[in-house]
N, C-alpha and C. Protein backbone atom coordinates (compact mmCIF):
# COMPACT_ATOMS: atom_id res chain seq x y z
N UNK A 1 17.83 18.37 -3.42
CA UNK A 1 16.40 18.27 -3.16
C UNK A 1 16.15 18.41 -1.66
N UNK A 2 15.24 19.27 -1.30
CA UNK A 2 14.90 19.52 0.09
C UNK A 2 14.10 18.34 0.64
N UNK A 3 14.41 17.94 1.86
CA UNK A 3 13.67 16.85 2.49
C UNK A 3 12.96 17.39 3.73
N UNK A 4 12.08 16.59 4.26
CA UNK A 4 11.32 17.00 5.43
C UNK A 4 11.54 15.98 6.55
N UNK A 5 11.82 16.47 7.75
CA UNK A 5 12.00 15.54 8.86
C UNK A 5 10.64 15.21 9.46
N UNK A 6 10.63 14.26 10.37
CA UNK A 6 9.37 13.76 10.94
C UNK A 6 8.60 14.87 11.66
N UNK A 7 9.29 15.73 12.40
CA UNK A 7 8.60 16.79 13.15
C UNK A 7 7.96 17.81 12.21
N UNK A 8 8.68 18.20 11.17
CA UNK A 8 8.13 19.16 10.21
C UNK A 8 6.94 18.56 9.47
N UNK A 9 7.04 17.28 9.12
CA UNK A 9 5.92 16.61 8.44
C UNK A 9 4.70 16.57 9.34
N UNK A 10 4.92 16.27 10.62
CA UNK A 10 3.81 16.22 11.57
C UNK A 10 3.13 17.59 11.68
N UNK A 11 3.94 18.66 11.71
CA UNK A 11 3.38 20.01 11.77
C UNK A 11 2.56 20.33 10.52
N UNK A 12 3.08 19.94 9.35
CA UNK A 12 2.35 20.19 8.10
C UNK A 12 1.06 19.38 8.04
N UNK A 13 1.12 18.14 8.50
CA UNK A 13 -0.08 17.31 8.53
C UNK A 13 -1.13 17.90 9.46
N UNK A 14 -0.68 18.40 10.60
CA UNK A 14 -1.60 19.02 11.54
C UNK A 14 -2.25 20.27 10.95
N UNK A 15 -1.43 21.08 10.29
CA UNK A 15 -1.96 22.29 9.65
C UNK A 15 -2.95 21.94 8.54
N UNK A 16 -2.63 20.90 7.76
CA UNK A 16 -3.54 20.47 6.70
C UNK A 16 -4.86 20.01 7.29
N UNK A 17 -4.79 19.24 8.38
CA UNK A 17 -6.00 18.74 9.03
C UNK A 17 -6.89 19.90 9.48
N UNK A 18 -6.26 21.03 9.81
CA UNK A 18 -7.01 22.22 10.24
C UNK A 18 -7.44 23.09 9.06
N UNK A 19 -7.17 22.63 7.83
CA UNK A 19 -7.67 23.33 6.66
C UNK A 19 -6.65 24.17 5.90
N UNK A 20 -5.39 24.13 6.30
CA UNK A 20 -4.36 24.93 5.64
C UNK A 20 -3.90 24.22 4.35
N UNK A 21 -4.42 24.70 3.20
CA UNK A 21 -4.10 24.06 1.92
C UNK A 21 -2.66 24.33 1.49
N UNK A 22 -2.08 25.43 1.93
CA UNK A 22 -0.67 25.71 1.62
C UNK A 22 0.22 24.68 2.31
N UNK A 23 -0.15 24.28 3.53
CA UNK A 23 0.61 23.25 4.25
C UNK A 23 0.50 21.92 3.52
N UNK A 24 -0.70 21.62 3.02
CA UNK A 24 -0.91 20.39 2.25
C UNK A 24 0.00 20.37 1.02
N UNK A 25 -0.02 21.46 0.28
CA UNK A 25 0.79 21.54 -0.94
C UNK A 25 2.28 21.45 -0.62
N UNK A 26 2.68 22.09 0.46
CA UNK A 26 4.10 22.06 0.87
C UNK A 26 4.49 20.64 1.26
N UNK A 27 3.61 19.94 1.95
CA UNK A 27 3.89 18.56 2.35
C UNK A 27 4.11 17.67 1.13
N UNK A 28 3.21 17.77 0.15
CA UNK A 28 3.38 16.97 -1.06
C UNK A 28 4.66 17.33 -1.80
N UNK A 29 4.98 18.61 -1.81
CA UNK A 29 6.21 19.05 -2.48
C UNK A 29 7.44 18.46 -1.80
N UNK A 30 7.46 18.51 -0.47
CA UNK A 30 8.61 18.00 0.27
C UNK A 30 8.72 16.48 0.24
N UNK A 31 7.58 15.80 0.17
CA UNK A 31 7.59 14.33 0.18
C UNK A 31 7.52 13.70 -1.21
N UNK A 32 7.53 14.53 -2.24
CA UNK A 32 7.36 14.02 -3.60
C UNK A 32 8.39 12.95 -3.94
N UNK A 33 9.64 13.18 -3.60
CA UNK A 33 10.67 12.19 -3.95
C UNK A 33 10.44 10.87 -3.21
N UNK A 34 10.01 10.92 -1.95
CA UNK A 34 9.72 9.69 -1.22
C UNK A 34 8.48 8.99 -1.79
N UNK A 35 7.48 9.78 -2.19
CA UNK A 35 6.30 9.20 -2.82
C UNK A 35 6.67 8.53 -4.14
N UNK A 36 7.57 9.12 -4.88
CA UNK A 36 8.03 8.51 -6.14
C UNK A 36 8.76 7.20 -5.87
N UNK A 37 9.50 7.12 -4.78
CA UNK A 37 10.20 5.88 -4.43
C UNK A 37 9.20 4.76 -4.13
N UNK A 38 8.15 5.10 -3.37
CA UNK A 38 7.10 4.11 -3.07
C UNK A 38 6.43 3.67 -4.36
N UNK A 39 6.11 4.65 -5.21
CA UNK A 39 5.46 4.36 -6.49
C UNK A 39 6.34 3.47 -7.36
N UNK A 40 7.62 3.81 -7.44
CA UNK A 40 8.54 3.02 -8.26
C UNK A 40 8.64 1.58 -7.76
N UNK A 41 8.66 1.41 -6.44
CA UNK A 41 8.73 0.06 -5.87
C UNK A 41 7.48 -0.74 -6.22
N UNK A 42 6.32 -0.11 -6.13
CA UNK A 42 5.08 -0.80 -6.50
C UNK A 42 5.06 -1.15 -7.98
N UNK A 43 5.49 -0.22 -8.81
CA UNK A 43 5.48 -0.48 -10.26
C UNK A 43 6.53 -1.49 -10.68
N UNK A 44 7.67 -1.52 -9.99
CA UNK A 44 8.71 -2.51 -10.31
C UNK A 44 8.19 -3.91 -10.08
N UNK A 45 7.38 -4.07 -9.05
CA UNK A 45 6.90 -5.41 -8.73
C UNK A 45 5.64 -5.79 -9.50
N UNK A 46 5.10 -4.85 -10.26
CA UNK A 46 3.88 -5.11 -11.02
C UNK A 46 4.27 -5.37 -12.47
N UNK A 47 3.82 -6.49 -13.01
CA UNK A 47 4.35 -6.95 -14.29
C UNK A 47 3.72 -6.34 -15.53
N UNK A 48 2.59 -5.66 -15.40
CA UNK A 48 1.91 -5.25 -16.62
C UNK A 48 1.25 -3.88 -16.48
N UNK A 49 1.95 -2.95 -15.83
CA UNK A 49 1.36 -1.63 -15.62
C UNK A 49 1.71 -0.71 -16.76
N UNK A 50 0.75 0.12 -17.13
CA UNK A 50 1.02 1.12 -18.15
C UNK A 50 1.10 2.51 -17.53
N UNK A 51 1.06 2.57 -16.22
CA UNK A 51 1.20 3.84 -15.51
C UNK A 51 2.67 4.15 -15.29
N UNK A 52 3.01 5.43 -15.29
CA UNK A 52 4.37 5.83 -14.94
C UNK A 52 4.43 6.08 -13.44
N UNK A 53 5.64 6.21 -12.92
CA UNK A 53 5.83 6.50 -11.51
C UNK A 53 5.10 7.79 -11.13
N UNK A 54 5.29 8.82 -11.94
CA UNK A 54 4.63 10.10 -11.69
C UNK A 54 3.12 10.01 -11.76
N UNK A 55 2.60 9.25 -12.74
CA UNK A 55 1.14 9.07 -12.85
C UNK A 55 0.57 8.46 -11.58
N UNK A 56 1.26 7.45 -11.07
CA UNK A 56 0.76 6.76 -9.88
C UNK A 56 0.81 7.68 -8.66
N UNK A 57 1.88 8.47 -8.53
CA UNK A 57 1.97 9.44 -7.43
C UNK A 57 0.82 10.44 -7.53
N UNK A 58 0.60 10.97 -8.72
CA UNK A 58 -0.45 11.97 -8.90
C UNK A 58 -1.84 11.39 -8.61
N UNK A 59 -2.07 10.15 -9.01
CA UNK A 59 -3.35 9.50 -8.71
C UNK A 59 -3.52 9.36 -7.20
N UNK A 60 -2.46 8.98 -6.50
CA UNK A 60 -2.54 8.85 -5.04
C UNK A 60 -2.79 10.20 -4.39
N UNK A 61 -2.12 11.24 -4.87
CA UNK A 61 -2.30 12.59 -4.31
C UNK A 61 -3.75 13.03 -4.45
N UNK A 62 -4.33 12.80 -5.62
CA UNK A 62 -5.74 13.18 -5.84
C UNK A 62 -6.63 12.43 -4.86
N UNK A 63 -6.36 11.14 -4.68
CA UNK A 63 -7.17 10.35 -3.75
C UNK A 63 -7.02 10.84 -2.31
N UNK A 64 -5.79 11.17 -1.92
CA UNK A 64 -5.56 11.65 -0.55
C UNK A 64 -6.22 13.00 -0.32
N UNK A 65 -6.17 13.87 -1.30
CA UNK A 65 -6.77 15.20 -1.18
C UNK A 65 -8.27 15.09 -0.98
N UNK A 66 -8.88 14.09 -1.60
CA UNK A 66 -10.34 13.95 -1.52
C UNK A 66 -10.82 13.13 -0.33
N UNK A 67 -9.90 12.72 0.53
CA UNK A 67 -10.32 11.99 1.73
C UNK A 67 -11.06 12.94 2.66
N UNK A 68 -12.19 12.50 3.17
CA UNK A 68 -13.00 13.35 4.04
C UNK A 68 -12.37 13.52 5.42
N UNK A 69 -11.96 12.42 6.00
CA UNK A 69 -11.41 12.47 7.35
C UNK A 69 -9.93 12.17 7.30
N UNK A 70 -9.14 13.14 7.65
CA UNK A 70 -7.69 12.96 7.63
C UNK A 70 -7.24 12.64 9.05
N UNK A 71 -6.72 11.44 9.24
CA UNK A 71 -6.32 11.00 10.57
C UNK A 71 -4.86 10.58 10.63
N UNK A 72 -4.00 11.13 9.74
CA UNK A 72 -2.61 10.71 9.80
C UNK A 72 -1.97 11.21 11.08
N UNK A 73 -1.11 10.39 11.61
CA UNK A 73 -0.47 10.75 12.87
C UNK A 73 0.92 11.33 12.65
N UNK A 74 1.61 10.86 11.61
CA UNK A 74 2.97 11.33 11.37
C UNK A 74 3.39 11.00 9.94
N UNK A 75 4.64 11.29 9.64
CA UNK A 75 5.17 11.10 8.28
C UNK A 75 5.06 9.63 7.84
N UNK A 76 5.45 8.70 8.70
CA UNK A 76 5.41 7.27 8.34
C UNK A 76 3.98 6.84 8.03
N UNK A 77 3.04 7.29 8.83
CA UNK A 77 1.64 6.94 8.61
C UNK A 77 1.14 7.55 7.30
N UNK A 78 1.51 8.79 7.04
CA UNK A 78 1.13 9.44 5.79
C UNK A 78 1.68 8.68 4.58
N UNK A 79 2.96 8.28 4.64
CA UNK A 79 3.55 7.53 3.53
C UNK A 79 2.87 6.17 3.37
N UNK A 80 2.51 5.55 4.47
CA UNK A 80 1.81 4.26 4.39
C UNK A 80 0.44 4.42 3.74
N UNK A 81 -0.29 5.45 4.12
CA UNK A 81 -1.59 5.69 3.50
C UNK A 81 -1.43 6.07 2.03
N UNK A 82 -0.35 6.76 1.71
CA UNK A 82 -0.08 7.08 0.31
C UNK A 82 0.17 5.81 -0.49
N UNK A 83 0.93 4.88 0.11
CA UNK A 83 1.18 3.61 -0.56
C UNK A 83 -0.11 2.84 -0.76
N UNK A 84 -0.99 2.90 0.22
CA UNK A 84 -2.30 2.24 0.10
C UNK A 84 -3.10 2.86 -1.04
N UNK A 85 -3.07 4.18 -1.13
CA UNK A 85 -3.79 4.86 -2.22
C UNK A 85 -3.20 4.47 -3.57
N UNK A 86 -1.88 4.33 -3.64
CA UNK A 86 -1.24 3.92 -4.90
C UNK A 86 -1.63 2.49 -5.26
N UNK A 87 -1.66 1.62 -4.26
CA UNK A 87 -2.04 0.22 -4.52
C UNK A 87 -3.47 0.17 -5.04
N UNK A 88 -4.36 0.91 -4.43
CA UNK A 88 -5.75 0.93 -4.89
C UNK A 88 -5.85 1.51 -6.30
N UNK A 89 -5.04 2.51 -6.60
CA UNK A 89 -5.04 3.08 -7.96
C UNK A 89 -4.55 2.03 -8.96
N UNK A 90 -3.52 1.26 -8.59
CA UNK A 90 -3.04 0.19 -9.47
C UNK A 90 -4.11 -0.85 -9.71
N UNK A 91 -4.81 -1.22 -8.65
CA UNK A 91 -5.87 -2.23 -8.77
C UNK A 91 -6.99 -1.71 -9.65
N UNK A 92 -7.41 -0.47 -9.42
CA UNK A 92 -8.47 0.11 -10.26
C UNK A 92 -8.04 0.18 -11.71
N UNK A 93 -6.80 0.56 -11.94
CA UNK A 93 -6.27 0.65 -13.31
C UNK A 93 -6.25 -0.74 -13.96
N UNK A 94 -5.82 -1.74 -13.20
CA UNK A 94 -5.75 -3.10 -13.73
C UNK A 94 -7.15 -3.62 -14.06
N UNK A 95 -8.11 -3.34 -13.19
CA UNK A 95 -9.49 -3.79 -13.44
C UNK A 95 -10.07 -3.11 -14.68
N UNK A 96 -9.78 -1.83 -14.81
CA UNK A 96 -10.29 -1.10 -15.97
C UNK A 96 -9.69 -1.68 -17.26
N UNK A 97 -8.40 -1.96 -17.25
CA UNK A 97 -7.77 -2.55 -18.43
C UNK A 97 -8.31 -3.94 -18.72
N UNK A 98 -8.52 -4.70 -17.64
CA UNK A 98 -9.01 -6.07 -17.79
C UNK A 98 -10.42 -6.08 -18.38
N UNK A 99 -11.26 -5.15 -17.94
CA UNK A 99 -12.63 -5.13 -18.44
C UNK A 99 -12.71 -4.53 -19.84
N UNK A 100 -11.74 -3.72 -20.21
CA UNK A 100 -11.80 -3.04 -21.50
C UNK A 100 -11.19 -3.81 -22.64
N UNK A 101 -10.41 -4.84 -22.33
CA UNK A 101 -9.72 -5.57 -23.40
C UNK A 101 -9.93 -7.07 -23.24
N UNK A 102 -10.37 -7.69 -24.29
CA UNK A 102 -10.54 -9.13 -24.29
C UNK A 102 -9.15 -9.77 -24.41
N UNK A 103 -8.92 -10.79 -23.63
CA UNK A 103 -7.67 -11.53 -23.71
C UNK A 103 -6.49 -10.80 -23.08
N UNK A 104 -6.75 -9.78 -22.29
CA UNK A 104 -5.67 -9.03 -21.65
C UNK A 104 -4.99 -9.89 -20.60
N UNK A 105 -3.68 -9.74 -20.48
CA UNK A 105 -2.95 -10.52 -19.48
C UNK A 105 -3.36 -10.13 -18.07
N UNK A 106 -3.28 -11.09 -17.17
CA UNK A 106 -3.54 -10.80 -15.77
C UNK A 106 -2.45 -9.87 -15.25
N UNK A 107 -2.84 -8.98 -14.37
CA UNK A 107 -1.87 -8.07 -13.76
C UNK A 107 -1.37 -8.73 -12.50
N UNK A 108 -0.06 -8.92 -12.44
CA UNK A 108 0.54 -9.62 -11.31
C UNK A 108 1.52 -8.72 -10.58
N UNK A 109 1.78 -9.12 -9.36
CA UNK A 109 2.71 -8.42 -8.50
C UNK A 109 3.75 -9.44 -8.08
N UNK A 110 5.00 -9.05 -8.07
CA UNK A 110 6.04 -9.95 -7.58
C UNK A 110 6.09 -9.77 -6.07
N UNK A 111 5.96 -10.87 -5.35
CA UNK A 111 5.77 -10.82 -3.91
C UNK A 111 6.85 -11.58 -3.17
N UNK A 112 7.15 -11.12 -1.96
CA UNK A 112 8.02 -11.85 -1.04
C UNK A 112 7.20 -12.32 0.17
N UNK A 113 5.91 -12.51 -0.04
CA UNK A 113 5.02 -12.85 1.07
C UNK A 113 5.37 -14.21 1.66
N UNK A 114 5.69 -15.17 0.83
CA UNK A 114 5.85 -16.54 1.31
C UNK A 114 7.07 -16.70 2.21
N UNK A 115 8.19 -16.97 1.63
CA UNK A 115 9.37 -17.34 2.41
C UNK A 115 10.54 -16.41 2.15
N UNK A 116 10.28 -15.26 1.65
CA UNK A 116 11.35 -14.34 1.32
C UNK A 116 11.78 -14.44 -0.13
N UNK A 117 11.41 -15.55 -0.81
CA UNK A 117 11.70 -15.69 -2.23
C UNK A 117 10.66 -14.93 -3.04
N UNK A 118 10.94 -14.71 -4.29
CA UNK A 118 10.01 -13.96 -5.14
C UNK A 118 8.94 -14.88 -5.69
N UNK A 119 7.70 -14.43 -5.62
CA UNK A 119 6.56 -15.17 -6.15
C UNK A 119 5.67 -14.20 -6.88
N UNK A 120 5.03 -14.67 -7.93
CA UNK A 120 4.13 -13.83 -8.70
C UNK A 120 2.71 -14.01 -8.18
N UNK A 121 2.04 -12.90 -7.90
CA UNK A 121 0.69 -12.93 -7.34
C UNK A 121 -0.19 -12.04 -8.20
N UNK A 122 -1.35 -12.56 -8.60
CA UNK A 122 -2.30 -11.73 -9.35
C UNK A 122 -2.83 -10.65 -8.42
N UNK A 123 -2.75 -9.42 -8.85
CA UNK A 123 -3.12 -8.27 -8.03
C UNK A 123 -4.56 -8.36 -7.55
N UNK A 124 -5.48 -8.80 -8.40
CA UNK A 124 -6.88 -8.90 -8.03
C UNK A 124 -7.08 -9.95 -6.93
N UNK A 125 -6.38 -11.07 -7.02
CA UNK A 125 -6.49 -12.12 -6.01
C UNK A 125 -5.93 -11.63 -4.68
N UNK A 126 -4.81 -10.90 -4.73
CA UNK A 126 -4.21 -10.34 -3.52
C UNK A 126 -5.18 -9.36 -2.87
N UNK A 127 -5.80 -8.51 -3.65
CA UNK A 127 -6.77 -7.54 -3.12
C UNK A 127 -7.92 -8.25 -2.44
N UNK A 128 -8.46 -9.30 -3.05
CA UNK A 128 -9.57 -10.05 -2.45
C UNK A 128 -9.14 -10.72 -1.14
N UNK A 129 -7.91 -11.24 -1.12
CA UNK A 129 -7.40 -11.86 0.11
C UNK A 129 -7.27 -10.82 1.22
N UNK A 130 -6.78 -9.63 0.88
CA UNK A 130 -6.64 -8.57 1.88
C UNK A 130 -8.00 -8.11 2.40
N UNK A 131 -9.00 -8.09 1.54
CA UNK A 131 -10.36 -7.71 1.97
C UNK A 131 -10.87 -8.76 2.97
N UNK A 132 -10.66 -10.05 2.66
CA UNK A 132 -11.09 -11.11 3.60
C UNK A 132 -10.34 -11.00 4.92
N UNK A 133 -9.03 -10.76 4.85
CA UNK A 133 -8.24 -10.62 6.08
C UNK A 133 -8.73 -9.43 6.89
N UNK A 134 -9.08 -8.35 6.23
CA UNK A 134 -9.59 -7.17 6.93
C UNK A 134 -10.88 -7.47 7.68
N UNK A 135 -11.73 -8.32 7.09
CA UNK A 135 -12.97 -8.71 7.75
C UNK A 135 -12.67 -9.56 8.99
N UNK A 136 -11.71 -10.45 8.86
CA UNK A 136 -11.34 -11.36 9.95
C UNK A 136 -10.57 -10.63 11.04
N UNK A 137 -9.58 -9.84 10.62
CA UNK A 137 -8.71 -9.15 11.59
C UNK A 137 -8.14 -7.89 10.93
N UNK A 138 -8.78 -6.78 11.18
CA UNK A 138 -8.38 -5.52 10.52
C UNK A 138 -6.98 -5.08 10.92
N UNK A 139 -6.56 -5.39 12.14
CA UNK A 139 -5.21 -5.00 12.58
C UNK A 139 -4.15 -5.70 11.75
N UNK A 140 -4.33 -6.99 11.51
CA UNK A 140 -3.36 -7.74 10.71
C UNK A 140 -3.37 -7.27 9.25
N UNK A 141 -4.54 -6.95 8.73
CA UNK A 141 -4.63 -6.45 7.36
C UNK A 141 -3.89 -5.12 7.25
N UNK A 142 -4.02 -4.28 8.26
CA UNK A 142 -3.32 -2.99 8.24
C UNK A 142 -1.80 -3.21 8.27
N UNK A 143 -1.35 -4.16 9.06
CA UNK A 143 0.08 -4.45 9.14
C UNK A 143 0.59 -4.91 7.78
N UNK A 144 -0.16 -5.77 7.10
CA UNK A 144 0.25 -6.24 5.77
C UNK A 144 0.36 -5.05 4.82
N UNK A 145 -0.64 -4.18 4.83
CA UNK A 145 -0.60 -3.02 3.93
C UNK A 145 0.57 -2.11 4.24
N UNK A 146 0.79 -1.82 5.52
CA UNK A 146 1.87 -0.92 5.90
C UNK A 146 3.24 -1.54 5.58
N UNK A 147 3.37 -2.82 5.82
CA UNK A 147 4.65 -3.51 5.62
C UNK A 147 4.91 -3.77 4.14
N UNK A 148 3.93 -4.37 3.49
CA UNK A 148 4.14 -4.84 2.14
C UNK A 148 4.02 -3.73 1.11
N UNK A 149 2.99 -2.91 1.23
CA UNK A 149 2.79 -1.87 0.23
C UNK A 149 3.40 -0.54 0.63
N UNK A 150 3.41 -0.26 1.93
CA UNK A 150 3.98 1.00 2.39
C UNK A 150 5.48 0.93 2.57
N UNK A 151 6.02 -0.29 2.64
CA UNK A 151 7.46 -0.45 2.80
C UNK A 151 7.95 -0.08 4.19
N UNK A 152 7.06 -0.01 5.18
CA UNK A 152 7.46 0.37 6.52
C UNK A 152 8.13 -0.80 7.22
N UNK A 153 9.10 -0.47 8.05
CA UNK A 153 9.73 -1.49 8.89
C UNK A 153 8.76 -1.87 10.00
N UNK A 154 9.04 -2.98 10.68
CA UNK A 154 8.19 -3.38 11.79
C UNK A 154 8.22 -2.33 12.90
N UNK A 155 9.36 -1.67 13.07
CA UNK A 155 9.48 -0.62 14.08
C UNK A 155 8.61 0.58 13.70
N UNK A 156 8.60 0.95 12.42
CA UNK A 156 7.75 2.05 11.96
C UNK A 156 6.27 1.72 12.17
N UNK A 157 5.91 0.47 11.86
CA UNK A 157 4.52 0.04 12.03
C UNK A 157 4.14 0.11 13.51
N UNK A 158 5.06 -0.28 14.36
CA UNK A 158 4.83 -0.19 15.80
C UNK A 158 4.53 1.24 16.21
N UNK A 159 5.29 2.17 15.67
CA UNK A 159 5.09 3.58 15.98
C UNK A 159 3.75 4.09 15.45
N UNK A 160 3.41 3.71 14.22
CA UNK A 160 2.16 4.16 13.61
C UNK A 160 0.94 3.61 14.35
N UNK A 161 1.01 2.33 14.72
CA UNK A 161 -0.16 1.68 15.33
C UNK A 161 -0.20 1.82 16.85
N UNK A 162 0.93 2.13 17.46
CA UNK A 162 0.96 2.24 18.91
C UNK A 162 1.10 0.90 19.61
N UNK A 163 1.41 -0.15 18.87
CA UNK A 163 1.63 -1.48 19.45
C UNK A 163 3.12 -1.71 19.62
N UNK A 164 3.47 -2.66 20.48
CA UNK A 164 4.90 -2.96 20.68
C UNK A 164 5.47 -3.65 19.45
N UNK A 165 6.78 -3.56 19.29
CA UNK A 165 7.44 -4.19 18.15
C UNK A 165 7.24 -5.70 18.19
N UNK A 166 7.32 -6.30 19.38
CA UNK A 166 7.14 -7.76 19.48
C UNK A 166 5.73 -8.17 19.06
N UNK A 167 4.74 -7.37 19.41
CA UNK A 167 3.35 -7.65 18.99
C UNK A 167 3.23 -7.55 17.48
N UNK A 168 3.82 -6.52 16.91
CA UNK A 168 3.78 -6.33 15.46
C UNK A 168 4.47 -7.50 14.76
N UNK A 169 5.62 -7.93 15.25
CA UNK A 169 6.34 -9.07 14.65
C UNK A 169 5.46 -10.32 14.68
N UNK A 170 4.83 -10.57 15.81
CA UNK A 170 3.97 -11.75 15.94
C UNK A 170 2.78 -11.66 14.99
N UNK A 171 2.13 -10.49 14.94
CA UNK A 171 0.98 -10.33 14.05
C UNK A 171 1.40 -10.41 12.59
N UNK A 172 2.58 -9.90 12.25
CA UNK A 172 3.09 -9.96 10.88
C UNK A 172 3.28 -11.41 10.45
N UNK A 173 3.87 -12.23 11.33
CA UNK A 173 4.08 -13.65 11.00
C UNK A 173 2.75 -14.36 10.76
N UNK A 174 1.78 -14.11 11.63
CA UNK A 174 0.47 -14.75 11.49
C UNK A 174 -0.23 -14.26 10.22
N UNK A 175 -0.20 -12.95 9.99
CA UNK A 175 -0.87 -12.38 8.80
C UNK A 175 -0.24 -12.91 7.53
N UNK A 176 1.09 -12.98 7.51
CA UNK A 176 1.77 -13.47 6.32
C UNK A 176 1.44 -14.93 6.06
N UNK A 177 1.38 -15.74 7.11
CA UNK A 177 1.03 -17.16 6.94
C UNK A 177 -0.41 -17.29 6.45
N UNK A 178 -1.33 -16.51 7.02
CA UNK A 178 -2.72 -16.55 6.58
C UNK A 178 -2.83 -16.14 5.12
N UNK A 179 -2.15 -15.07 4.77
CA UNK A 179 -2.21 -14.55 3.40
C UNK A 179 -1.64 -15.57 2.42
N UNK A 180 -0.53 -16.18 2.75
CA UNK A 180 0.06 -17.20 1.88
C UNK A 180 -0.91 -18.36 1.68
N UNK A 181 -1.54 -18.81 2.75
CA UNK A 181 -2.51 -19.90 2.66
C UNK A 181 -3.69 -19.50 1.77
N UNK A 182 -4.17 -18.28 1.95
CA UNK A 182 -5.30 -17.78 1.16
C UNK A 182 -4.93 -17.68 -0.32
N UNK A 183 -3.72 -17.22 -0.61
CA UNK A 183 -3.28 -17.10 -2.01
C UNK A 183 -3.09 -18.47 -2.64
N UNK A 184 -2.59 -19.44 -1.86
CA UNK A 184 -2.45 -20.80 -2.39
C UNK A 184 -3.81 -21.42 -2.67
N UNK A 185 -4.78 -21.18 -1.78
CA UNK A 185 -6.15 -21.67 -2.02
C UNK A 185 -6.72 -21.07 -3.29
N UNK A 186 -6.52 -19.77 -3.48
CA UNK A 186 -7.03 -19.09 -4.68
C UNK A 186 -6.39 -19.65 -5.94
N UNK A 187 -5.09 -19.94 -5.87
CA UNK A 187 -4.39 -20.49 -7.03
C UNK A 187 -4.90 -21.89 -7.34
N UNK A 188 -5.15 -22.71 -6.30
CA UNK A 188 -5.70 -24.05 -6.52
C UNK A 188 -7.09 -23.96 -7.14
N UNK A 189 -7.92 -23.06 -6.64
CA UNK A 189 -9.27 -22.87 -7.18
C UNK A 189 -9.22 -22.44 -8.64
N UNK A 190 -8.29 -21.55 -8.95
CA UNK A 190 -8.18 -21.04 -10.31
C UNK A 190 -7.78 -22.14 -11.30
N UNK A 191 -6.94 -23.05 -10.82
CA UNK A 191 -6.45 -24.10 -11.70
C UNK A 191 -7.28 -25.37 -11.62
N UNK A 192 -8.35 -25.36 -10.82
CA UNK A 192 -9.27 -26.50 -10.76
C UNK A 192 -8.76 -27.66 -9.93
N UNK A 193 -7.80 -27.40 -9.02
CA UNK A 193 -7.31 -28.47 -8.16
C UNK A 193 -8.15 -28.51 -6.90
N UNK A 194 -8.42 -29.69 -6.41
CA UNK A 194 -9.23 -29.82 -5.20
C UNK A 194 -8.37 -29.84 -3.97
């Protein structure tokens, strides 16, 4: 399988931004296996999805193609935005299933947000927490999305955002602590604990 290096991806992204649809198609072709890996990781951690890995990739591709303003800077940023599109597709799919079926199970995600151990998080609650975090601090919300859903290392996030690695590490710790607290509050509210 042919792969694409960071420089070639950047060139294809630049050509796509300038309207070259052949470059767009070539980029998706070359990154398809990496997009499938991101999709598989998201689906592995989601307990009740009826989407396949390929379905989720294709849904993300459609969403990315229809974006009005393309501002990707490089391959890592493109993959992170693809992961975000996949996460949103999963959330939309879960909401549609939830509204269409009475008594349907909650859609959960297995998370390592807390202390590195695995925890189950309802996808809808996580989405609401990320929306609140984005209102409070959009930079920290972006770091959570890039790290948690995009699978980017702290070094990759530093490169994508233009911040130092130490700043990203500090913001990641704060964002993770805030998110954990928010998820615990949501769980207490759901179970009627004061």
